[in-house]
Amino acid sequence: MKRILITLALGLVTAAGYAQWSNPVDDVPAYHPAAPAKEAKLPPILAGAELTGPNFHYPWQVEVYKEAAQIPKVLYQLPCYCHCDRALGHTSLHSCFSGTHGAECSTCAKEGAYAYRMTKLGKTPAEIRAGIEHKDFEQIDLDALGSKSSEKAGS
């Protein structure tokens, strides 16, 4: 019993020490803190015929790209919490939509849809970033987004 208590105490001390020296900012994925310079040319968001093929099976995938294309400078200023910056070298949420990753990853898609909605509500990129960091994007229902897109096409 004494060994268990000592091991538990040692574990708690180790955890407390790690928390003291770890930096939560290190866990925030890559993003740009300001809008791109006016003369900067961002890679284009996929559009048109690029939104077909094996990566675009569901209506929500196309819809989220259409929305992303309307707010590229906002996406440029947002992190992506699937941490594709580590695995794919992405520099912001914008990178997810300049390729097919945004269609393949529900985290990216939800963040993109959330950013679009918040932009339409007049939120700044900093306010949207705070919402993303707070995980507010998780409330996005991609299937509902796709249903809305299908209804528009059928009208």
C-alpha atoms as a PDB file:
ATOM      1  CA  MET A   1       0.000   0.000   0.000  1.00  0.00           C
ATOM      2  CA  LYS A   2       2.877   2.320   0.838  1.00  0.00           C
ATOM      3  CA  ARG A   3       4.404   1.753  -2.614  1.00  0.00           C
ATOM      4  CA  ILE A   4       1.121   2.616  -4.292  1.00  0.00           C
ATOM      5  CA  LEU A   5       0.840   5.878  -2.353  1.00  0.00           C
ATOM      6  CA  ILE A   6       4.448   6.812  -3.127  1.00  0.00           C
ATOM      7  CA  THR A   7       3.946   6.007  -6.814  1.00  0.00           C
ATOM      8  CA  LEU A   8       0.728   8.045  -6.882  1.00  0.00           C
ATOM      9  CA  ALA A   9       2.407  10.990  -5.147  1.00  0.00           C
ATOM     10  CA  LEU A  10       5.338  10.836  -7.553  1.00  0.00           C
ATOM     11  CA  GLY A  11       2.920  10.758 -10.490  1.00  0.00           C
ATOM     12  CA  LEU A  12       1.090  13.828  -9.202  1.00  0.00           C
ATOM     13  CA  VAL A  13       4.351  15.727  -8.690  1.00  0.00           C
ATOM     14  CA  THR A  14       5.436  14.819 -12.237  1.00  0.00           C
ATOM     15  CA  ALA A  15       2.109  15.952 -13.721  1.00  0.00           C
ATOM     16  CA  ALA A  16       2.186  19.214 -11.758  1.00  0.00           C
ATOM     17  CA  GLY A  17       5.759  19.880 -12.849  1.00  0.00           C
ATOM     18  CA  TYR A  18       4.929  19.242 -16.504  1.00  0.00           C
ATOM     19  CA  ALA A  19       1.904  21.560 -16.350  1.00  0.00           C
ATOM     20  CA  GLN A  20       4.067  24.280 -14.822  1.00  0.00           C
ATOM     21  CA  TRP A  21       6.584  24.238 -17.691  1.00  0.00           C
ATOM     22  CA  SER A  22       4.386  23.368 -20.646  1.00  0.00           C
ATOM     23  CA  ASN A  23       3.042  26.217 -22.728  1.00  0.00           C
ATOM     24  CA  PRO A  24      -0.601  25.919 -23.870  1.00  0.00           C
ATOM     25  CA  VAL A  25       0.215  28.266 -26.769  1.00  0.00           C
ATOM     26  CA  ASP A  26       2.362  25.454 -28.199  1.00  0.00           C
ATOM     27  CA  ASP A  27      -0.826  23.431 -28.697  1.00  0.00           C
ATOM     28  CA  VAL A  28      -2.423  26.070 -30.965  1.00  0.00           C
ATOM     29  CA  PRO A  29      -2.009  25.016 -34.604  1.00  0.00           C
ATOM     30  CA  ALA A  30      -0.411  27.305 -37.177  1.00  0.00           C
ATOM     31  CA  TYR A  31      -2.276  30.400 -38.361  1.00  0.00           C
ATOM     32  CA  HIS A  32      -1.511  33.946 -39.473  1.00  0.00           C
ATOM     33  CA  PRO A  33      -2.310  36.618 -36.855  1.00  0.00           C
ATOM     34  CA  ALA A  34      -3.243  39.213 -39.497  1.00  0.00           C
ATOM     35  CA  ALA A  35      -4.829  39.310 -42.935  1.00  0.00           C
ATOM     36  CA  PRO A  36      -2.513  38.755 -45.891  1.00  0.00           C
ATOM     37  CA  ALA A  37      -0.892  41.842 -47.396  1.00  0.00           C
ATOM     38  CA  LYS A  38      -2.968  43.429 -50.148  1.00  0.00           C
ATOM     39  CA  GLU A  39      -0.414  42.447 -52.790  1.00  0.00           C
ATOM     40  CA  ALA A  40      -0.186  38.858 -51.504  1.00  0.00           C
ATOM     41  CA  LYS A  41      -1.744  36.231 -53.706  1.00  0.00           C
ATOM     42  CA  LEU A  42      -3.209  33.338 -51.739  1.00  0.00           C
ATOM     43  CA  PRO A  43      -3.455  29.887 -53.305  1.00  0.00           C
ATOM     44  CA  PRO A  44      -6.987  29.541 -54.692  1.00  0.00           C
ATOM     45  CA  ILE A  45      -9.688  27.617 -52.867  1.00  0.00           C
ATOM     46  CA  LEU A  46     -10.784  24.626 -54.948  1.00  0.00           C
ATOM     47  CA  ALA A  47     -13.882  25.421 -57.024  1.00  0.00           C
ATOM     48  CA  GLY A  48     -16.006  24.318 -59.948  1.00  0.00           C
ATOM     49  CA  ALA A  49     -14.981  21.036 -61.568  1.00  0.00           C
ATOM     50  CA  GLU A  50     -12.327  20.571 -58.862  1.00  0.00           C
ATOM     51  CA  LEU A  51     -15.178  19.830 -56.433  1.00  0.00           C
ATOM     52  CA  THR A  52     -15.932  16.456 -58.008  1.00  0.00           C
ATOM     53  CA  GLY A  53     -14.341  13.052 -57.897  1.00  0.00           C
ATOM     54  CA  PRO A  54     -13.525  10.602 -55.142  1.00  0.00           C
ATOM     55  CA  ASN A  55     -13.036  13.251 -52.429  1.00  0.00           C
ATOM     56  CA  PHE A  56     -16.452  14.838 -52.948  1.00  0.00           C
ATOM     57  CA  HIS A  57     -19.125  12.225 -52.246  1.00  0.00           C
ATOM     58  CA  TYR A  58     -21.441  14.333 -50.075  1.00  0.00           C
ATOM     59  CA  PRO A  59     -23.231  17.636 -50.731  1.00  0.00           C
ATOM     60  CA  TRP A  60     -21.750  19.201 -47.575  1.00  0.00           C
ATOM     61  CA  GLN A  61     -18.240  18.776 -49.004  1.00  0.00           C
ATOM     62  CA  VAL A  62     -19.063  20.974 -51.998  1.00  0.00           C
ATOM     63  CA  GLU A  63     -21.022  23.467 -49.890  1.00  0.00           C
ATOM     64  CA  VAL A  64     -18.206  24.009 -47.396  1.00  0.00           C
ATOM     65  CA  TYR A  65     -15.783  24.747 -50.257  1.00  0.00           C
ATOM     66  CA  LYS A  66     -18.229  27.235 -51.798  1.00  0.00           C
ATOM     67  CA  GLU A  67     -18.457  28.980 -48.440  1.00  0.00           C
ATOM     68  CA  ALA A  68     -14.685  28.884 -47.949  1.00  0.00           C
ATOM     69  CA  ALA A  69     -14.176  30.551 -51.332  1.00  0.00           C
ATOM     70  CA  GLN A  70     -16.140  33.542 -50.032  1.00  0.00           C
ATOM     71  CA  ILE A  71     -13.885  34.082 -46.986  1.00  0.00           C
ATOM     72  CA  PRO A  72     -10.293  33.147 -47.946  1.00  0.00           C
ATOM     73  CA  LYS A  73      -8.690  36.004 -45.983  1.00  0.00           C
ATOM     74  CA  VAL A  74     -10.586  34.984 -42.853  1.00  0.00           C
ATOM     75  CA  LEU A  75      -9.528  31.325 -43.220  1.00  0.00           C
ATOM     76  CA  TYR A  76      -5.923  32.519 -43.605  1.00  0.00           C
ATOM     77  CA  GLN A  77      -6.130  33.905 -40.054  1.00  0.00           C
ATOM     78  CA  LEU A  78      -7.514  30.749 -38.429  1.00  0.00           C
ATOM     79  CA  PRO A  79      -5.847  27.640 -36.986  1.00  0.00           C
ATOM     80  CA  CYS A  80      -7.006  24.148 -37.882  1.00  0.00           C
ATOM     81  CA  TYR A  81      -7.486  21.890 -34.891  1.00  0.00           C
ATOM     82  CA  CYS A  82      -7.004  18.639 -36.786  1.00  0.00           C
ATOM     83  CA  HIS A  83      -3.336  19.676 -36.499  1.00  0.00           C
ATOM     84  CA  CYS A  84      -2.678  19.268 -40.220  1.00  0.00           C
ATOM     85  CA  ASP A  85       0.042  21.875 -39.746  1.00  0.00           C
ATOM     86  CA  ARG A  86       2.109  19.105 -38.153  1.00  0.00           C
ATOM     87  CA  ALA A  87       1.370  16.302 -40.607  1.00  0.00           C
ATOM     88  CA  LEU A  88       0.838  18.234 -43.852  1.00  0.00           C
ATOM     89  CA  GLY A  89       2.698  21.493 -43.279  1.00  0.00           C
ATOM     90  CA  HIS A  90      -0.443  23.618 -43.494  1.00  0.00           C
ATOM     91  CA  THR A  91      -0.006  27.226 -42.395  1.00  0.00           C
ATOM     92  CA  SER A  92      -3.669  27.961 -41.567  1.00  0.00           C
ATOM     93  CA  LEU A  93      -7.213  26.739 -42.186  1.00  0.00           C
ATOM     94  CA  HIS A  94      -6.942  28.276 -45.667  1.00  0.00           C
ATOM     95  CA  SER A  95      -4.422  25.571 -46.623  1.00  0.00           C
ATOM     96  CA  CYS A  96      -7.062  22.885 -46.005  1.00  0.00           C
ATOM     97  CA  PHE A  97      -9.288  24.315 -48.741  1.00  0.00           C
ATOM     98  CA  SER A  98      -6.600  24.986 -51.339  1.00  0.00           C
ATOM     99  CA  GLY A  99      -6.411  21.180 -51.590  1.00  0.00           C
ATOM    100  CA  THR A 100      -8.809  18.322 -50.875  1.00  0.00           C
ATOM    101  CA  HIS A 101      -8.045  18.045 -47.169  1.00  0.00           C
ATOM    102  CA  GLY A 102     -11.071  20.185 -46.255  1.00  0.00           C
ATOM    103  CA  ALA A 103     -13.332  17.590 -47.883  1.00  0.00           C
ATOM    104  CA  GLU A 104     -11.607  14.651 -46.227  1.00  0.00           C
ATOM    105  CA  CYS A 105     -11.523  15.977 -42.660  1.00  0.00           C
ATOM    106  CA  SER A 106     -14.676  16.792 -40.701  1.00  0.00           C
ATOM    107  CA  THR A 107     -12.742  19.051 -38.303  1.00  0.00           C
ATOM    108  CA  CYS A 108     -11.568  21.264 -41.176  1.00  0.00           C
ATOM    109  CA  ALA A 109     -15.007  21.243 -42.784  1.00  0.00           C
ATOM    110  CA  LYS A 110     -16.762  22.180 -39.539  1.00  0.00           C
ATOM    111  CA  GLU A 111     -14.240  24.936 -38.806  1.00  0.00           C
ATOM    112  CA  GLY A 112     -14.704  26.301 -42.338  1.00  0.00           C
ATOM    113  CA  ALA A 113     -18.508  26.260 -42.054  1.00  0.00           C
ATOM    114  CA  TYR A 114     -18.282  27.853 -38.590  1.00  0.00           C
ATOM    115  CA  ALA A 115     -15.959  30.579 -39.904  1.00  0.00           C
ATOM    116  CA  TYR A 116     -18.370  31.319 -42.747  1.00  0.00           C
ATOM    117  CA  ARG A 117     -21.378  31.587 -40.408  1.00  0.00           C
ATOM    118  CA  MET A 118     -19.540  33.782 -37.929  1.00  0.00           C
ATOM    119  CA  THR A 119     -18.220  36.037 -40.709  1.00  0.00           C
ATOM    120  CA  LYS A 120     -21.794  36.490 -41.958  1.00  0.00           C
ATOM    121  CA  LEU A 121     -22.758  37.470 -38.398  1.00  0.00           C
ATOM    122  CA  GLY A 122     -20.096  40.210 -38.444  1.00  0.00           C
ATOM    123  CA  LYS A 123     -17.498  38.504 -36.234  1.00  0.00           C
ATOM    124  CA  THR A 124     -13.844  39.421 -36.716  1.00  0.00           C
ATOM    125  CA  PRO A 125     -11.211  36.768 -37.480  1.00  0.00           C
ATOM    126  CA  ALA A 126      -9.910  37.154 -33.903  1.00  0.00           C
ATOM    127  CA  GLU A 127     -13.407  36.516 -32.509  1.00  0.00           C
ATOM    128  CA  ILE A 128     -13.850  33.530 -34.817  1.00  0.00           C
ATOM    129  CA  ARG A 129     -10.441  32.184 -33.791  1.00  0.00           C
ATOM    130  CA  ALA A 130     -11.478  32.440 -30.129  1.00  0.00           C
ATOM    131  CA  GLY A 131     -14.638  30.466 -30.914  1.00  0.00           C
ATOM    132  CA  ILE A 132     -12.637  27.814 -32.744  1.00  0.00           C
ATOM    133  CA  GLU A 133     -10.182  27.566 -29.841  1.00  0.00           C
ATOM    134  CA  HIS A 134     -13.212  27.149 -27.578  1.00  0.00           C
ATOM    135  CA  LYS A 135     -14.387  24.305 -29.894  1.00  0.00           C
ATOM    136  CA  ASP A 136     -17.634  26.102 -30.852  1.00  0.00           C
ATOM    137  CA  PHE A 137     -17.260  24.704 -34.387  1.00  0.00           C
ATOM    138  CA  GLU A 138     -18.136  21.238 -33.074  1.00  0.00           C
ATOM    139  CA  GLN A 139     -21.828  22.254 -33.089  1.00  0.00           C
ATOM    140  CA  ILE A 140     -21.834  22.398 -36.904  1.00  0.00           C
ATOM    141  CA  ASP A 141     -23.967  19.652 -38.489  1.00  0.00           C
ATOM    142  CA  LEU A 142     -22.344  18.870 -41.828  1.00  0.00           C
ATOM    143  CA  ASP A 143     -25.247  16.717 -43.004  1.00  0.00           C
ATOM    144  CA  ALA A 144     -27.655  19.613 -42.418  1.00  0.00           C
ATOM    145  CA  LEU A 145     -25.297  21.879 -44.356  1.00  0.00           C
ATOM    146  CA  GLY A 146     -25.348  19.391 -47.226  1.00  0.00           C
ATOM    147  CA  SER A 147     -29.161  19.127 -47.079  1.00  0.00           C
ATOM    148  CA  LYS A 148     -29.449  22.888 -47.408  1.00  0.00           C
ATOM    149  CA  SER A 149     -27.161  22.736 -50.442  1.00  0.00           C
ATOM    150  CA  SER A 150     -29.252  19.951 -52.020  1.00  0.00           C
ATOM    151  CA  GLU A 151     -32.448  21.939 -51.476  1.00  0.00           C
ATOM    152  CA  LYS A 152     -30.938  24.961 -53.272  1.00  0.00           C
ATOM    153  CA  ALA A 153     -29.932  22.786 -56.239  1.00  0.00           C
ATOM    154  CA  GLY A 154     -33.421  21.265 -56.455  1.00  0.00           C
ATOM    155  CA  SER A 155     -35.215  24.637 -56.422  1.00  0.00           C
END
